[in-house]
Each structure stands twice: as structure tokens, then as C-alpha cells.
Amino acid sequence: MKNVVGDGQKGVAEDNEREEMIFGTEPGETTD
């Protein structure tokens, strides 16, 4: 299960980076 959780966290981090690139959000300009 540890591997699954780790992969999930990595996936979320990668998705966040992609969203920042797509929407062009600057640091401190977070939108939930």
C-alpha cells in the first residue's frame, strides 16, 4: 500500500505543475 500512496502523491504533484503551466498561475496565486 505504501507504493500506491507514494505514486498517488507523485501524480498529484505532477498534475499541479501541469495546471500551473496550463493556466499560467504565478506562485502565491492559487485557486481552489
Foldseek 3Di string as FASTA:
>chain_A
DVVVVVVVVVVVVVVVVVVCVVVVDDPVRDDD
